[in-house]
Amino acid sequence: MATKKQYNSFSDLLAESTNPVLVDFYAVWCGPCQMMSPVLDTVKKQFQNRLTVVKIDTDKYPEIASEHHILALPTLILFKEGKPAKRFEGMSSSEQLISQLETLI
């Protein structure tokens, strides 16, 4: 289950995080995005205190999506030390995503 937290800006979220941040760029109307929710729940459990998982609705925050060149949904971006480290586009299984993240975290 996602925990909601307020930040003044996306930059603040990245700057204040002591862990790498996995950002899920999604839209409510996107079917594959909805299918990624349980995958992200599994990823969050697997990495517990080593990774922060954040969801950003591209319809509510189009400027953030544009800034990060989000052209397809779902798109995940792993940020390390506030900078993009890896981009994942499209659907992934929890096993695939966990395997890829293990080498990056």
N, C-alpha and C. Protein backbone atom coordinates (compact mmCIF):
# COMPACT_ATOMS: atom_id res chain seq x y z
N MET A 1 0.83 -1.19 0.00
CA MET A 1 0.00 0.00 0.00
C MET A 1 0.87 1.24 0.00
N ALA A 2 0.53 2.21 -0.80
CA ALA A 2 1.31 3.45 -0.91
C ALA A 2 1.03 4.36 0.29
N THR A 3 2.06 5.07 0.70
CA THR A 3 1.94 6.05 1.75
C THR A 3 1.96 7.43 1.10
N LYS A 4 0.97 8.26 1.43
CA LYS A 4 0.92 9.59 0.82
C LYS A 4 1.70 10.56 1.70
N LYS A 5 2.52 11.37 1.03
CA LYS A 5 3.32 12.36 1.69
C LYS A 5 3.30 13.62 0.85
N GLN A 6 3.35 14.77 1.47
CA GLN A 6 3.32 16.04 0.75
C GLN A 6 4.73 16.62 0.65
N TYR A 7 5.06 17.13 -0.52
CA TYR A 7 6.32 17.82 -0.76
C TYR A 7 6.01 19.12 -1.48
N ASN A 8 6.85 20.11 -1.32
CA ASN A 8 6.65 21.38 -2.02
C ASN A 8 6.89 21.23 -3.52
N SER A 9 7.79 20.32 -3.87
CA SER A 9 8.08 20.09 -5.29
C SER A 9 8.66 18.70 -5.48
N PHE A 10 8.66 18.27 -6.73
CA PHE A 10 9.25 16.98 -7.08
C PHE A 10 10.75 17.00 -6.75
N SER A 11 11.39 18.12 -6.99
CA SER A 11 12.82 18.27 -6.68
C SER A 11 13.08 18.06 -5.20
N ASP A 12 12.19 18.60 -4.36
CA ASP A 12 12.33 18.43 -2.91
C ASP A 12 12.22 16.96 -2.53
N LEU A 13 11.27 16.27 -3.13
CA LEU A 13 11.10 14.84 -2.86
C LEU A 13 12.40 14.10 -3.14
N LEU A 14 12.99 14.36 -4.31
CA LEU A 14 14.23 13.68 -4.68
C LEU A 14 15.39 14.09 -3.77
N ALA A 15 15.47 15.36 -3.45
CA ALA A 15 16.57 15.86 -2.63
C ALA A 15 16.50 15.36 -1.19
N GLU A 16 15.29 15.22 -0.66
CA GLU A 16 15.12 14.83 0.74
C GLU A 16 15.20 13.32 0.96
N SER A 17 15.14 12.54 -0.08
CA SER A 17 15.16 11.09 0.07
C SER A 17 16.58 10.58 0.31
N THR A 18 16.73 9.78 1.33
CA THR A 18 18.03 9.17 1.61
C THR A 18 18.21 7.88 0.82
N ASN A 19 17.12 7.37 0.27
CA ASN A 19 17.15 6.14 -0.54
C ASN A 19 16.99 6.49 -2.02
N PRO A 20 17.36 5.57 -2.91
CA PRO A 20 16.97 5.74 -4.30
C PRO A 20 15.45 5.82 -4.39
N VAL A 21 14.95 6.54 -5.38
CA VAL A 21 13.51 6.74 -5.54
C VAL A 21 13.09 6.14 -6.88
N LEU A 22 12.14 5.21 -6.83
CA LEU A 22 11.56 4.64 -8.04
C LEU A 22 10.23 5.35 -8.29
N VAL A 23 10.16 6.10 -9.39
CA VAL A 23 8.96 6.88 -9.69
C VAL A 23 8.17 6.18 -10.79
N ASP A 24 6.91 5.92 -10.48
CA ASP A 24 5.97 5.32 -11.44
C ASP A 24 5.15 6.45 -12.05
N PHE A 25 5.41 6.76 -13.32
CA PHE A 25 4.62 7.73 -14.04
C PHE A 25 3.44 6.97 -14.65
N TYR A 26 2.23 7.36 -14.27
CA TYR A 26 1.05 6.60 -14.67
C TYR A 26 -0.11 7.56 -14.96
N ALA A 27 -1.22 7.00 -15.43
CA ALA A 27 -2.48 7.73 -15.57
C ALA A 27 -3.60 6.80 -15.13
N VAL A 28 -4.63 7.38 -14.57
CA VAL A 28 -5.77 6.60 -14.05
C VAL A 28 -6.43 5.79 -15.16
N TRP A 29 -6.49 6.34 -16.36
CA TRP A 29 -7.17 5.69 -17.49
C TRP A 29 -6.32 4.59 -18.15
N CYS A 30 -5.08 4.45 -17.75
CA CYS A 30 -4.14 3.51 -18.38
C CYS A 30 -4.24 2.12 -17.74
N GLY A 31 -4.76 1.17 -18.51
CA GLY A 31 -4.92 -0.20 -18.01
C GLY A 31 -3.62 -0.85 -17.56
N PRO A 32 -2.57 -0.84 -18.39
CA PRO A 32 -1.30 -1.42 -17.96
C PRO A 32 -0.73 -0.75 -16.70
N CYS A 33 -1.00 0.55 -16.54
CA CYS A 33 -0.54 1.25 -15.33
C CYS A 33 -1.21 0.66 -14.09
N GLN A 34 -2.48 0.36 -14.21
CA GLN A 34 -3.20 -0.22 -13.07
C GLN A 34 -2.68 -1.62 -12.76
N MET A 35 -2.27 -2.34 -13.80
CA MET A 35 -1.73 -3.69 -13.59
C MET A 35 -0.35 -3.65 -12.92
N MET A 36 0.33 -2.50 -12.99
CA MET A 36 1.65 -2.36 -12.36
C MET A 36 1.55 -2.15 -10.85
N SER A 37 0.39 -1.76 -10.34
CA SER A 37 0.25 -1.49 -8.90
C SER A 37 0.67 -2.67 -8.02
N PRO A 38 0.17 -3.90 -8.27
CA PRO A 38 0.60 -5.01 -7.43
C PRO A 38 2.09 -5.32 -7.60
N VAL A 39 2.63 -5.09 -8.79
CA VAL A 39 4.06 -5.30 -9.04
C VAL A 39 4.86 -4.35 -8.16
N LEU A 40 4.44 -3.09 -8.12
CA LEU A 40 5.14 -2.09 -7.31
C LEU A 40 4.99 -2.37 -5.82
N ASP A 41 3.84 -2.90 -5.42
CA ASP A 41 3.67 -3.30 -4.01
C ASP A 41 4.68 -4.37 -3.63
N THR A 42 4.88 -5.35 -4.52
CA THR A 42 5.86 -6.42 -4.28
C THR A 42 7.27 -5.86 -4.23
N VAL A 43 7.59 -4.95 -5.15
CA VAL A 43 8.91 -4.32 -5.18
C VAL A 43 9.15 -3.55 -3.89
N LYS A 44 8.15 -2.81 -3.46
CA LYS A 44 8.26 -2.02 -2.22
C LYS A 44 8.54 -2.93 -1.02
N LYS A 45 7.85 -4.06 -0.95
CA LYS A 45 8.07 -5.01 0.15
C LYS A 45 9.47 -5.61 0.07
N GLN A 46 9.91 -5.94 -1.13
CA GLN A 46 11.22 -6.57 -1.32
C GLN A 46 12.36 -5.65 -0.85
N PHE A 47 12.24 -4.37 -1.16
CA PHE A 47 13.33 -3.43 -0.88
C PHE A 47 13.10 -2.60 0.38
N GLN A 48 11.99 -2.77 1.03
CA GLN A 48 11.59 -2.09 2.26
C GLN A 48 12.30 -0.76 2.50
N ASN A 49 13.33 -0.73 3.31
CA ASN A 49 13.98 0.53 3.70
C ASN A 49 15.11 0.94 2.76
N ARG A 50 15.26 0.24 1.64
CA ARG A 50 16.35 0.56 0.71
C ARG A 50 15.88 1.33 -0.52
N LEU A 51 14.58 1.46 -0.71
CA LEU A 51 14.02 2.08 -1.90
C LEU A 51 12.71 2.78 -1.56
N THR A 52 12.52 3.97 -2.10
CA THR A 52 11.26 4.69 -1.96
C THR A 52 10.51 4.58 -3.29
N VAL A 53 9.25 4.19 -3.23
CA VAL A 53 8.42 4.06 -4.43
C VAL A 53 7.39 5.19 -4.42
N VAL A 54 7.34 5.94 -5.52
CA VAL A 54 6.45 7.09 -5.64
C VAL A 54 5.66 6.96 -6.94
N LYS A 55 4.37 7.34 -6.88
CA LYS A 55 3.53 7.33 -8.08
C LYS A 55 3.20 8.78 -8.44
N ILE A 56 3.35 9.11 -9.73
CA ILE A 56 3.00 10.45 -10.20
C ILE A 56 2.02 10.32 -11.36
N ASP A 57 0.85 10.89 -11.17
CA ASP A 57 -0.21 10.90 -12.18
C ASP A 57 0.16 11.95 -13.24
N THR A 58 0.43 11.51 -14.44
CA THR A 58 0.87 12.42 -15.51
C THR A 58 -0.22 13.39 -15.94
N ASP A 59 -1.48 13.07 -15.68
CA ASP A 59 -2.57 14.00 -16.00
C ASP A 59 -2.62 15.15 -14.98
N LYS A 60 -2.26 14.86 -13.74
CA LYS A 60 -2.27 15.90 -12.70
C LYS A 60 -0.98 16.71 -12.70
N TYR A 61 0.11 16.10 -13.13
CA TYR A 61 1.42 16.76 -13.11
C TYR A 61 2.11 16.66 -14.47
N PRO A 62 1.49 17.23 -15.51
CA PRO A 62 2.06 17.11 -16.85
C PRO A 62 3.44 17.77 -16.99
N GLU A 63 3.71 18.80 -16.18
CA GLU A 63 5.00 19.46 -16.28
C GLU A 63 6.14 18.54 -15.83
N ILE A 64 5.89 17.72 -14.82
CA ILE A 64 6.92 16.76 -14.36
C ILE A 64 7.11 15.69 -15.43
N ALA A 65 6.02 15.21 -15.99
CA ALA A 65 6.10 14.20 -17.06
C ALA A 65 6.86 14.75 -18.26
N SER A 66 6.58 15.98 -18.62
CA SER A 66 7.26 16.60 -19.76
C SER A 66 8.75 16.79 -19.47
N GLU A 67 9.06 17.22 -18.28
CA GLU A 67 10.46 17.44 -17.89
C GLU A 67 11.29 16.16 -18.00
N HIS A 68 10.64 15.02 -17.75
CA HIS A 68 11.34 13.73 -17.79
C HIS A 68 11.05 12.93 -19.06
N HIS A 69 10.49 13.61 -20.06
CA HIS A 69 10.27 13.03 -21.39
C HIS A 69 9.47 11.73 -21.33
N ILE A 70 8.37 11.76 -20.59
CA ILE A 70 7.49 10.59 -20.49
C ILE A 70 6.61 10.56 -21.73
N LEU A 71 6.85 9.59 -22.60
CA LEU A 71 6.09 9.47 -23.84
C LEU A 71 5.20 8.24 -23.86
N ALA A 72 5.46 7.28 -22.98
CA ALA A 72 4.68 6.04 -22.92
C ALA A 72 4.36 5.75 -21.46
N LEU A 73 3.22 5.09 -21.26
CA LEU A 73 2.82 4.71 -19.91
C LEU A 73 2.60 3.21 -19.87
N PRO A 74 2.95 2.57 -18.78
CA PRO A 74 3.66 3.12 -17.64
C PRO A 74 5.16 3.29 -17.93
N THR A 75 5.75 4.29 -17.30
CA THR A 75 7.19 4.47 -17.33
C THR A 75 7.66 4.62 -15.89
N LEU A 76 8.69 3.88 -15.55
CA LEU A 76 9.31 3.98 -14.23
C LEU A 76 10.70 4.58 -14.42
N ILE A 77 11.08 5.47 -13.52
CA ILE A 77 12.44 6.01 -13.53
C ILE A 77 13.01 5.85 -12.13
N LEU A 78 14.19 5.26 -12.07
CA LEU A 78 14.91 5.14 -10.81
C LEU A 78 15.83 6.34 -10.69
N PHE A 79 15.66 7.09 -9.60
CA PHE A 79 16.52 8.24 -9.32
C PHE A 79 17.47 7.87 -8.18
N LYS A 80 18.74 8.15 -8.39
CA LYS A 80 19.75 7.95 -7.35
C LYS A 80 20.44 9.29 -7.14
N GLU A 81 20.49 9.71 -5.88
CA GLU A 81 21.08 11.00 -5.53
C GLU A 81 20.45 12.13 -6.34
N GLY A 82 19.14 12.02 -6.55
CA GLY A 82 18.38 13.06 -7.23
C GLY A 82 18.45 13.07 -8.74
N LYS A 83 19.20 12.14 -9.33
CA LYS A 83 19.37 12.11 -10.79
C LYS A 83 18.84 10.80 -11.37
N PRO A 84 18.27 10.85 -12.59
CA PRO A 84 17.79 9.62 -13.22
C PRO A 84 18.94 8.63 -13.44
N ALA A 85 18.73 7.40 -12.99
CA ALA A 85 19.76 6.36 -13.14
C ALA A 85 19.34 5.28 -14.13
N LYS A 86 18.03 5.01 -14.21
CA LYS A 86 17.54 3.95 -15.10
C LYS A 86 16.08 4.20 -15.40
N ARG A 87 15.70 3.94 -16.65
CA ARG A 87 14.32 4.11 -17.11
C ARG A 87 13.78 2.74 -17.51
N PHE A 88 12.54 2.47 -17.10
CA PHE A 88 11.84 1.24 -17.47
C PHE A 88 10.52 1.64 -18.13
N GLU A 89 10.31 1.23 -19.37
CA GLU A 89 9.07 1.56 -20.06
C GLU A 89 8.25 0.30 -20.29
N GLY A 90 6.94 0.44 -20.11
CA GLY A 90 6.04 -0.69 -20.33
C GLY A 90 5.91 -1.58 -19.11
N MET A 91 5.20 -2.68 -19.31
CA MET A 91 4.92 -3.63 -18.23
C MET A 91 6.15 -4.46 -17.89
N SER A 92 6.25 -4.79 -16.61
CA SER A 92 7.28 -5.72 -16.12
C SER A 92 6.64 -6.59 -15.06
N SER A 93 7.15 -7.78 -14.92
CA SER A 93 6.72 -8.61 -13.79
C SER A 93 7.52 -8.17 -12.57
N SER A 94 7.04 -8.51 -11.41
CA SER A 94 7.78 -8.14 -10.19
C SER A 94 9.15 -8.80 -10.19
N GLU A 95 9.24 -10.03 -10.69
CA GLU A 95 10.52 -10.74 -10.73
C GLU A 95 11.52 -10.02 -11.62
N GLN A 96 11.06 -9.59 -12.81
CA GLN A 96 11.95 -8.87 -13.74
C GLN A 96 12.42 -7.56 -13.14
N LEU A 97 11.50 -6.81 -12.57
CA LEU A 97 11.82 -5.50 -12.03
C LEU A 97 12.75 -5.62 -10.82
N ILE A 98 12.48 -6.57 -9.94
CA ILE A 98 13.32 -6.79 -8.76
C ILE A 98 14.72 -7.18 -9.20
N SER A 99 14.82 -8.06 -10.17
CA SER A 99 16.13 -8.50 -10.67
C SER A 99 16.93 -7.33 -11.21
N GLN A 100 16.30 -6.45 -11.99
CA GLN A 100 17.00 -5.30 -12.54
C GLN A 100 17.37 -4.29 -11.46
N LEU A 101 16.48 -4.07 -10.51
CA LEU A 101 16.75 -3.12 -9.44
C LEU A 101 17.85 -3.59 -8.50
N GLU A 102 17.94 -4.90 -8.28
CA GLU A 102 18.99 -5.45 -7.40
C GLU A 102 20.37 -5.00 -7.84
N THR A 103 20.59 -4.92 -9.14
CA THR A 103 21.92 -4.56 -9.64
C THR A 103 22.16 -3.04 -9.54
N LEU A 104 21.10 -2.27 -9.33
CA LEU A 104 21.21 -0.81 -9.34
C LEU A 104 21.19 -0.18 -7.96
N ILE A 105 20.70 -0.92 -6.98
CA ILE A 105 20.54 -0.33 -5.63
C ILE A 105 21.68 -0.76 -4.74
